[in-house]
Amino acid sequence: MKNKILAAAILAAASIGAHAATTSGTIGVSASVGSNCILTTTPIAFGVYDPLSATPKQGTGTVQLVCTVGATPAVAIDNGLNASGAQRRLISGVNTLNYDVFQPTTNAAGAACAFATPYPAVAPGFVLTAAPSTASRSYNICGQVPISQSVPNGSYNDTVTATITF
């Protein structure tokens, strides 16, 4: 009798497992990637300006950008802290030394300076190439101090702000 009860219990347990049902559903998963850039800079250092030289004094600084893939940044360089209208000026006490900031020859990373086209002071600025990867890219900021400026000796400085739009 015990064996019959045990057998019935096993069959009942097996039939319960056989009647178990399953169902499934899907869960949507999504993310978005926004444009972003990180900016670092190196200064434009003109060195020693000679007011008697017939050659403009030139210097090159850089903006380095690390951007999300596909971001198309644009760079604007403001007129600095000591500008008079649109003329950028270095300052030493009450004395000023005019200078200009120019775009490189093309919008590709590392393009050479031509000292021909001024950098825009306001957005959108100089539009660069789209980021092909998240690797750092360096763009030249080309500076020039024009000839024949009658200024006393001293240490002249200014600060410009690079604004990146992406």
Protein backbone atom coordinates (compact mmCIF):
# COMPACT_ATOMS: atom_id res chain seq x y z
CA MET A 1 0.00 0.00 0.00
CA LYS A 2 2.87 2.28 0.84
CA ASN A 3 4.33 1.65 -2.58
CA LYS A 4 1.03 2.57 -4.25
CA ILE A 5 0.84 5.86 -2.31
CA LEU A 6 4.45 6.64 -3.11
CA ALA A 7 3.89 5.91 -6.80
CA ALA A 8 0.79 8.11 -6.85
CA ALA A 9 2.71 10.95 -5.21
CA ILE A 10 5.50 10.69 -7.78
CA LEU A 11 3.00 10.72 -10.66
CA ALA A 12 1.21 13.72 -9.16
CA ALA A 13 4.48 15.62 -8.78
CA ALA A 14 5.51 14.77 -12.35
CA SER A 15 2.18 15.94 -13.74
CA ILE A 16 2.45 19.27 -11.90
CA GLY A 17 5.86 19.90 -13.56
CA ALA A 18 4.48 18.93 -16.95
CA HIS A 19 1.72 21.53 -16.64
CA ALA A 20 4.14 24.45 -15.83
CA ALA A 21 3.93 27.21 -18.46
CA THR A 22 6.43 29.89 -19.57
CA THR A 23 6.08 33.17 -21.31
CA SER A 24 8.57 35.78 -22.51
CA GLY A 25 8.61 39.43 -23.46
CA THR A 26 11.06 41.93 -24.81
CA ILE A 27 12.70 44.81 -22.99
CA GLY A 28 13.79 47.80 -25.05
CA VAL A 29 17.31 49.09 -24.38
CA SER A 30 18.53 52.43 -25.68
CA ALA A 31 21.19 55.10 -25.21
CA SER A 32 22.11 58.29 -26.96
CA VAL A 33 25.54 59.82 -27.41
CA GLY A 34 25.72 63.59 -27.35
CA SER A 35 28.37 65.75 -28.93
CA ASN A 36 31.10 66.75 -26.55
CA CYS A 37 34.60 68.20 -26.76
CA ILE A 38 37.37 68.74 -24.25
CA LEU A 39 39.67 71.70 -24.90
CA THR A 40 43.27 72.32 -23.90
CA THR A 41 45.47 75.13 -25.20
CA THR A 42 49.07 76.20 -25.64
CA PRO A 43 49.91 79.93 -25.66
CA ILE A 44 51.06 82.09 -28.51
CA ALA A 45 54.54 83.29 -27.53
CA PHE A 46 55.94 85.96 -29.82
CA GLY A 47 59.31 86.19 -28.10
CA VAL A 48 61.22 89.46 -28.46
CA TYR A 49 59.55 92.01 -30.74
CA ASP A 50 61.91 94.40 -32.55
CA PRO A 51 60.12 97.66 -33.44
CA LEU A 52 62.92 98.40 -35.94
CA SER A 53 62.51 95.15 -37.90
CA ALA A 54 60.86 95.17 -41.33
CA THR A 55 59.45 91.69 -40.63
CA PRO A 56 56.30 91.09 -38.56
CA LYS A 57 56.81 88.98 -35.44
CA GLN A 58 54.89 85.70 -35.69
CA GLY A 59 54.01 83.00 -33.19
CA THR A 60 51.81 79.94 -33.08
CA GLY A 61 49.67 78.57 -30.28
CA THR A 62 47.27 75.67 -30.43
CA VAL A 63 43.92 74.38 -29.32
CA GLN A 64 43.80 70.64 -28.78
CA LEU A 65 40.40 69.01 -28.97
CA VAL A 66 39.18 65.60 -27.95
CA CYS A 67 35.64 65.23 -29.29
CA THR A 68 33.02 62.55 -29.64
CA VAL A 69 33.08 60.86 -33.04
CA GLY A 70 31.25 62.96 -35.62
CA ALA A 71 31.27 66.18 -33.58
CA THR A 72 32.05 69.12 -35.84
CA PRO A 73 33.60 71.79 -33.63
CA ALA A 74 34.04 75.44 -34.50
CA VAL A 75 36.54 77.77 -32.83
CA ALA A 76 36.08 81.47 -32.11
CA ILE A 77 38.87 83.52 -30.53
CA ASP A 78 37.68 86.68 -28.77
CA ASN A 79 39.50 90.01 -28.98
CA GLY A 80 41.17 89.61 -25.59
CA LEU A 81 41.21 91.61 -22.39
CA ASN A 82 42.94 94.71 -23.81
CA ALA A 83 41.24 95.19 -27.19
CA SER A 84 40.40 98.55 -28.62
CA GLY A 85 37.36 97.83 -30.77
CA ALA A 86 38.31 94.82 -32.89
CA GLN A 87 42.07 95.43 -32.51
CA ARG A 88 43.71 92.96 -30.16
CA ARG A 89 46.42 94.51 -27.98
CA LEU A 90 49.11 93.30 -25.65
CA ILE A 91 49.61 95.61 -22.67
CA SER A 92 52.54 96.63 -20.47
CA GLY A 93 51.44 99.20 -17.91
CA VAL A 94 49.85 101.96 -20.02
CA ASN A 95 51.65 100.89 -23.23
CA THR A 96 50.04 98.68 -25.85
CA LEU A 97 51.32 96.54 -28.70
CA ASN A 98 48.86 95.56 -31.46
CA TYR A 99 48.63 91.98 -32.63
CA ASP A 100 46.35 89.83 -34.77
CA VAL A 101 45.19 86.20 -34.63
CA PHE A 102 44.71 84.23 -37.84
CA GLN A 103 43.19 80.91 -38.91
CA PRO A 104 45.42 78.19 -40.37
CA THR A 105 45.37 77.55 -44.13
CA THR A 106 42.64 74.87 -43.91
CA ASN A 107 40.29 73.46 -41.29
CA ALA A 108 42.21 70.16 -41.05
CA ALA A 109 44.08 69.32 -37.85
CA GLY A 110 47.69 70.53 -37.92
CA ALA A 111 47.23 72.85 -40.93
CA ALA A 112 49.98 75.46 -41.30
CA CYS A 113 49.65 79.15 -40.58
CA ALA A 114 49.26 81.58 -43.47
CA PHE A 115 48.63 84.79 -41.47
CA ALA A 116 45.93 85.81 -43.95
CA THR A 117 42.41 85.21 -42.58
CA PRO A 118 41.59 86.55 -39.10
CA TYR A 119 40.03 84.18 -36.59
CA PRO A 120 36.38 85.05 -35.99
CA ALA A 121 35.83 86.61 -32.55
CA VAL A 122 32.31 85.25 -32.10
CA ALA A 123 30.46 81.96 -32.65
CA PRO A 124 30.08 80.01 -34.80
CA GLY A 125 33.74 80.73 -35.59
CA PHE A 126 36.09 78.73 -37.79
CA VAL A 127 34.41 75.37 -38.50
CA LEU A 128 36.81 72.44 -38.21
CA THR A 129 36.62 68.93 -39.64
CA ALA A 130 34.35 66.35 -37.98
CA ALA A 131 36.06 64.16 -35.40
CA PRO A 132 36.89 60.78 -36.99
CA SER A 133 37.71 59.29 -33.56
CA THR A 134 38.13 60.35 -29.95
CA ALA A 135 41.87 60.90 -30.47
CA SER A 136 43.24 64.36 -29.64
CA ARG A 137 43.58 66.73 -32.60
CA SER A 138 45.63 69.94 -32.60
CA TYR A 139 44.71 73.12 -34.49
CA ASN A 140 47.03 76.10 -34.93
CA ILE A 141 46.22 79.58 -33.65
CA CYS A 142 48.44 81.90 -35.66
CA GLY A 143 49.51 85.21 -34.13
CA GLN A 144 51.31 88.16 -35.65
CA VAL A 145 52.61 91.48 -34.32
CA PRO A 146 52.70 94.04 -37.17
CA ILE A 147 55.87 95.98 -37.97
CA SER A 148 56.77 99.58 -37.07
CA GLN A 149 55.04 99.89 -33.71
CA SER A 150 56.85 102.49 -31.65
CA VAL A 151 56.62 101.06 -28.14
CA PRO A 152 58.95 101.11 -25.14
CA ASN A 153 60.65 97.96 -23.94
CA GLY A 154 58.77 95.85 -21.42
CA SER A 155 56.82 92.65 -21.01
CA TYR A 156 53.52 92.80 -22.92
CA ASN A 157 50.66 90.37 -22.26
CA ASP A 158 47.05 89.66 -23.12
CA THR A 159 44.59 86.81 -22.68
CA VAL A 160 42.16 85.69 -25.35
CA THR A 161 39.37 83.17 -24.86
CA ALA A 162 38.82 80.30 -27.27
CA THR A 163 35.16 79.33 -27.50
CA ILE A 164 34.41 75.92 -28.97
CA THR A 165 30.95 75.26 -30.39
CA PHE A 166 30.11 71.64 -31.26
